């Protein structure tokens, strides 16, 4: 089993952990009947439809 030769410093540990960041969800801009609407990708609409298919019973 591999064993580290030296203790990792605080700055090294924190630098490594700093790269793990949560991403904001992608927001799509759509123009429907002249009005701008925003939606999150891969979400069902209010009727439970996704990609023109009924996927949820609402």
C-alpha atoms as a PDB file:
ATOM      1  CA  UNK A   1       0.000   0.000   0.000  1.00  0.00           C
ATOM      2  CA  UNK A   2       1.316   3.454  -0.874  1.00  0.00           C
ATOM      3  CA  UNK A   3       2.231   5.636   2.069  1.00  0.00           C
ATOM      4  CA  UNK A   4       3.066   9.344   1.684  1.00  0.00           C
ATOM      5  CA  UNK A   5       6.625  10.277   2.620  1.00  0.00           C
ATOM      6  CA  UNK A   6       5.668  13.718   3.894  1.00  0.00           C
ATOM      7  CA  UNK A   7       2.695  15.418   5.445  1.00  0.00           C
ATOM      8  CA  UNK A   8       0.769  17.483   2.897  1.00  0.00           C
ATOM      9  CA  UNK A   9       0.728  21.141   3.816  1.00  0.00           C
ATOM     10  CA  UNK A  10      -2.428  23.127   4.489  1.00  0.00           C
ATOM     11  CA  UNK A  11      -2.005  25.250   1.385  1.00  0.00           C
ATOM     12  CA  UNK A  12      -1.560  22.165  -0.799  1.00  0.00           C
ATOM     13  CA  UNK A  13      -4.671  20.537   0.629  1.00  0.00           C
ATOM     14  CA  UNK A  14      -6.754  23.678   0.342  1.00  0.00           C
ATOM     15  CA  UNK A  15      -5.547  24.340  -3.206  1.00  0.00           C
ATOM     16  CA  UNK A  16      -6.617  20.858  -4.232  1.00  0.00           C
ATOM     17  CA  UNK A  17     -10.015  21.228  -2.570  1.00  0.00           C
ATOM     18  CA  UNK A  18     -10.562  24.672  -4.096  1.00  0.00           C
ATOM     19  CA  UNK A  19     -10.909  23.172  -7.575  1.00  0.00           C
ATOM     20  CA  UNK A  20     -14.079  21.267  -6.576  1.00  0.00           C
ATOM     21  CA  UNK A  21     -16.838  23.759  -7.248  1.00  0.00           C
ATOM     22  CA  UNK A  22     -20.536  23.387  -7.819  1.00  0.00           C
ATOM     23  CA  UNK A  23     -21.721  24.514 -11.239  1.00  0.00           C
ATOM     24  CA  UNK A  24     -24.761  26.665 -11.816  1.00  0.00           C
ATOM     25  CA  UNK A  25     -27.496  25.011 -13.859  1.00  0.00           C
ATOM     26  CA  UNK A  26     -27.626  25.972 -17.517  1.00  0.00           C
ATOM     27  CA  UNK A  27     -30.523  28.308 -18.225  1.00  0.00           C
ATOM     28  CA  UNK A  28     -32.029  28.352 -21.712  1.00  0.00           C
ATOM     29  CA  UNK A  29     -33.588  31.495 -23.133  1.00  0.00           C
ATOM     30  CA  UNK A  30     -36.692  30.968 -25.277  1.00  0.00           C
ATOM     31  CA  UNK A  31     -38.949  33.440 -27.028  1.00  0.00           C
ATOM     32  CA  UNK A  32     -42.591  32.302 -26.953  1.00  0.00           C
ATOM     33  CA  UNK A  33     -45.245  34.583 -28.496  1.00  0.00           C
ATOM     34  CA  UNK A  34     -42.888  37.538 -28.274  1.00  0.00           C
ATOM     35  CA  UNK A  35     -42.164  37.022 -24.563  1.00  0.00           C
ATOM     36  CA  UNK A  36     -38.826  35.868 -23.220  1.00  0.00           C
ATOM     37  CA  UNK A  37     -38.976  32.824 -20.954  1.00  0.00           C
ATOM     38  CA  UNK A  38     -36.141  31.036 -19.194  1.00  0.00           C
ATOM     39  CA  UNK A  39     -36.027  27.327 -18.442  1.00  0.00           C
ATOM     40  CA  UNK A  40     -33.551  24.877 -16.943  1.00  0.00           C
ATOM     41  CA  UNK A  41     -32.351  22.085 -19.241  1.00  0.00           C
ATOM     42  CA  UNK A  42     -33.766  18.568 -18.922  1.00  0.00           C
ATOM     43  CA  UNK A  43     -36.779  19.496 -16.800  1.00  0.00           C
ATOM     44  CA  UNK A  44     -40.415  18.600 -17.273  1.00  0.00           C
ATOM     45  CA  UNK A  45     -42.991  21.312 -17.831  1.00  0.00           C
ATOM     46  CA  UNK A  46     -46.024  21.962 -15.603  1.00  0.00           C
ATOM     47  CA  UNK A  47     -48.028  19.219 -17.339  1.00  0.00           C
ATOM     48  CA  UNK A  48     -45.372  16.532 -16.771  1.00  0.00           C
ATOM     49  CA  UNK A  49     -44.223  16.489 -20.397  1.00  0.00           C
ATOM     50  CA  UNK A  50     -40.587  16.187 -21.491  1.00  0.00           C
ATOM     51  CA  UNK A  51     -39.408  16.249 -25.098  1.00  0.00           C
ATOM     52  CA  UNK A  52     -43.023  16.108 -26.334  1.00  0.00           C
ATOM     53  CA  UNK A  53     -43.719  12.941 -24.301  1.00  0.00           C
ATOM     54  CA  UNK A  54     -45.800  12.464 -21.165  1.00  0.00           C
ATOM     55  CA  UNK A  55     -43.364  11.233 -18.485  1.00  0.00           C
ATOM     56  CA  UNK A  56     -45.149  12.181 -15.241  1.00  0.00           C
ATOM     57  CA  UNK A  57     -48.715  11.814 -14.088  1.00  0.00           C
ATOM     58  CA  UNK A  58     -49.726  15.227 -12.800  1.00  0.00           C
END
